[in-house]
Each structure stands twice: as C-alpha cells, then as structure tokens.
Amino acid sequence: VYTSGPNKGHRKRVGITADGRKAKEGTLAADTNRYPFGTIMYVPGYGWGEVHDRGSAIKGNRLDLFYSSHKKALEWGRRRVEVKVYREK
C-alpha cells in the first residue's frame, strides 16, 4: 500500500518499479538523487543495467539488482564491485 503521494491508501502493484516499468533482468534500484532514472551502468558479474527503481535503504553509491528468483539473489548476495556508469540522465 502506498503511504504517501497521489496513490496514498491504494494497493501497490508488485513488480512495478518507481518509474512505472515492469521489473526485469537488468533493472537497477539506486539513490535517484545520485543516479537518476535512466542511468545506464555495467555491473561486473551481473551485466548491463538501467536505473528504474529506488528504495528507502538505498543511499549514495549503493544498488539493488533485480533477479527473477530469490535463490539467484541469494547466490549473488551482497558484494562490493566497481561499477561503470555510462550515462546519467
């Protein structure tokens, strides 16, 4: 459920990113004050991604990577990698 904004009180659609797209492989969540929606990055071990989502716990130089299964996400775990930023909108 949305807690604020124009959709306050309405059910949140699962799998839909903050910019309204369907989450899929390559979807990244970032601090949009640092990396705006549409920023393209290369994450070693993951591949190409584009920022389409954000989260309250994602601050500064942190990313969340979309995986199609919980198992795959756990296999990736938490890592420190040097990301290449190719385009910031």
C-alpha atoms as a PDB file:
ATOM      1  CA  VAL A   1       0.000   0.000   0.000  1.00  0.00           C
ATOM      2  CA  TYR A   2       1.265   3.478  -0.814  1.00  0.00           C
ATOM      3  CA  THR A   3       1.745   5.584   2.300  1.00  0.00           C
ATOM      4  CA  SER A   4       2.011   8.946   0.586  1.00  0.00           C
ATOM      5  CA  GLY A   5       1.664  10.701  -2.739  1.00  0.00           C
ATOM      6  CA  PRO A   6      -1.191  10.611  -5.249  1.00  0.00           C
ATOM      7  CA  ASN A   7      -1.773   6.859  -4.730  1.00  0.00           C
ATOM      8  CA  LYS A   8      -1.918   7.053  -0.913  1.00  0.00           C
ATOM      9  CA  GLY A   9      -4.008   4.238   0.522  1.00  0.00           C
ATOM     10  CA  HIS A  10      -4.133   2.296  -2.756  1.00  0.00           C
ATOM     11  CA  ARG A  11      -2.614  -1.131  -3.257  1.00  0.00           C
ATOM     12  CA  LYS A  12       0.894  -1.054  -4.720  1.00  0.00           C
ATOM     13  CA  ARG A  13       1.394  -3.107  -7.870  1.00  0.00           C
ATOM     14  CA  VAL A  14       4.047  -5.758  -7.201  1.00  0.00           C
ATOM     15  CA  GLY A  15       6.813  -5.950  -9.771  1.00  0.00           C
ATOM     16  CA  ILE A  16       6.314  -2.370 -10.971  1.00  0.00           C
ATOM     17  CA  THR A  17       9.257  -0.004 -10.489  1.00  0.00           C
ATOM     18  CA  ALA A  18       9.099   3.527  -9.140  1.00  0.00           C
ATOM     19  CA  ASP A  19       9.163   4.929 -12.680  1.00  0.00           C
ATOM     20  CA  GLY A  20       6.222   2.689 -13.691  1.00  0.00           C
ATOM     21  CA  ARG A  21       8.024  -0.068 -15.627  1.00  0.00           C
ATOM     22  CA  LYS A  22       7.811  -3.801 -15.064  1.00  0.00           C
ATOM     23  CA  ALA A  23      10.901  -5.068 -13.230  1.00  0.00           C
ATOM     24  CA  LYS A  24      13.035  -7.475 -15.277  1.00  0.00           C
ATOM     25  CA  GLU A  25      16.645  -8.631 -15.618  1.00  0.00           C
ATOM     26  CA  GLY A  26      18.797  -5.515 -15.838  1.00  0.00           C
ATOM     27  CA  THR A  27      16.550  -3.387 -13.626  1.00  0.00           C
ATOM     28  CA  LEU A  28      18.563  -1.498 -11.020  1.00  0.00           C
ATOM     29  CA  ALA A  29      17.393   0.355  -7.937  1.00  0.00           C
ATOM     30  CA  ALA A  30      19.550   3.287  -6.838  1.00  0.00           C
ATOM     31  CA  ASP A  31      19.541   6.525  -4.885  1.00  0.00           C
ATOM     32  CA  THR A  32      17.882   8.668  -7.556  1.00  0.00           C
ATOM     33  CA  ASN A  33      19.419  11.799  -6.071  1.00  0.00           C
ATOM     34  CA  ARG A  34      22.762  10.321  -7.137  1.00  0.00           C
ATOM     35  CA  TYR A  35      21.754   8.217 -10.176  1.00  0.00           C
ATOM     36  CA  PRO A  36      18.527   9.406 -11.818  1.00  0.00           C
ATOM     37  CA  PHE A  37      16.090   7.105 -13.600  1.00  0.00           C
ATOM     38  CA  GLY A  38      17.554   6.021 -16.927  1.00  0.00           C
ATOM     39  CA  THR A  39      21.180   5.906 -15.761  1.00  0.00           C
ATOM     40  CA  ILE A  40      22.917   3.028 -17.538  1.00  0.00           C
ATOM     41  CA  MET A  41      25.575   1.027 -15.703  1.00  0.00           C
ATOM     42  CA  TYR A  42      27.712  -2.045 -16.150  1.00  0.00           C
ATOM     43  CA  VAL A  43      27.932  -4.206 -13.028  1.00  0.00           C
ATOM     44  CA  PRO A  44      30.726  -6.836 -13.213  1.00  0.00           C
ATOM     45  CA  GLY A  45      29.284 -10.308 -12.693  1.00  0.00           C
ATOM     46  CA  TYR A  46      25.736  -9.074 -13.389  1.00  0.00           C
ATOM     47  CA  GLY A  47      25.923  -7.236 -16.697  1.00  0.00           C
ATOM     48  CA  TRP A  48      24.221  -4.143 -18.073  1.00  0.00           C
ATOM     49  CA  GLY A  49      21.516  -2.446 -16.091  1.00  0.00           C
ATOM     50  CA  GLU A  50      19.409   0.687 -16.035  1.00  0.00           C
ATOM     51  CA  VAL A  51      18.064   2.542 -13.011  1.00  0.00           C
ATOM     52  CA  HIS A  52      14.260   2.297 -12.860  1.00  0.00           C
ATOM     53  CA  ASP A  53      13.648   1.968  -9.141  1.00  0.00           C
ATOM     54  CA  ARG A  54      14.658   3.363  -5.762  1.00  0.00           C
ATOM     55  CA  GLY A  55      14.333   2.296  -2.157  1.00  0.00           C
ATOM     56  CA  SER A  56      14.451   3.958   1.230  1.00  0.00           C
ATOM     57  CA  ALA A  57      17.509   1.895   2.272  1.00  0.00           C
ATOM     58  CA  ILE A  58      19.439   2.660  -0.920  1.00  0.00           C
ATOM     59  CA  LYS A  59      21.570   5.725  -0.227  1.00  0.00           C
ATOM     60  CA  GLY A  60      24.649   7.051  -2.029  1.00  0.00           C
ATOM     61  CA  ASN A  61      26.713   4.582  -4.030  1.00  0.00           C
ATOM     62  CA  ARG A  62      24.575   1.500  -3.409  1.00  0.00           C
ATOM     63  CA  LEU A  63      22.478  -0.507  -5.846  1.00  0.00           C
ATOM     64  CA  ASP A  64      19.874  -3.224  -5.720  1.00  0.00           C
ATOM     65  CA  LEU A  65      19.930  -5.642  -8.651  1.00  0.00           C
ATOM     66  CA  PHE A  66      16.817  -7.365  -9.967  1.00  0.00           C
ATOM     67  CA  TYR A  67      16.847 -11.146 -10.094  1.00  0.00           C
ATOM     68  CA  SER A  68      13.981 -13.304 -11.313  1.00  0.00           C
ATOM     69  CA  SER A  69      14.204 -15.558  -8.265  1.00  0.00           C
ATOM     70  CA  HIS A  70      15.026 -15.256  -4.596  1.00  0.00           C
ATOM     71  CA  LYS A  71      17.537 -18.094  -4.983  1.00  0.00           C
ATOM     72  CA  LYS A  72      19.519 -16.173  -7.629  1.00  0.00           C
ATOM     73  CA  ALA A  73      19.520 -13.052  -5.460  1.00  0.00           C
ATOM     74  CA  LEU A  74      20.859 -15.033  -2.500  1.00  0.00           C
ATOM     75  CA  GLU A  75      23.569 -16.561  -4.726  1.00  0.00           C
ATOM     76  CA  TRP A  76      24.700 -13.028  -5.644  1.00  0.00           C
ATOM     77  CA  GLY A  77      24.477 -11.892  -2.035  1.00  0.00           C
ATOM     78  CA  ARG A  78      25.998  -8.571  -1.012  1.00  0.00           C
ATOM     79  CA  ARG A  79      29.123  -7.523  -2.887  1.00  0.00           C
ATOM     80  CA  ARG A  80      31.424  -4.574  -3.340  1.00  0.00           C
ATOM     81  CA  VAL A  81      32.189  -4.125  -7.026  1.00  0.00           C
ATOM     82  CA  GLU A  82      33.398  -1.224  -9.132  1.00  0.00           C
ATOM     83  CA  VAL A  83      30.516  -0.227 -11.392  1.00  0.00           C
ATOM     84  CA  LYS A  84      30.975   1.611 -14.684  1.00  0.00           C
ATOM     85  CA  VAL A  85      28.471   4.424 -15.159  1.00  0.00           C
ATOM     86  CA  TYR A  86      27.926   5.036 -18.856  1.00  0.00           C
ATOM     87  CA  ARG A  87      25.130   7.547 -18.892  1.00  0.00           C
ATOM     88  CA  GLU A  88      23.347   9.663 -16.357  1.00  0.00           C
ATOM     89  CA  LYS A  89      20.187  11.427 -17.478  1.00  0.00           C
END
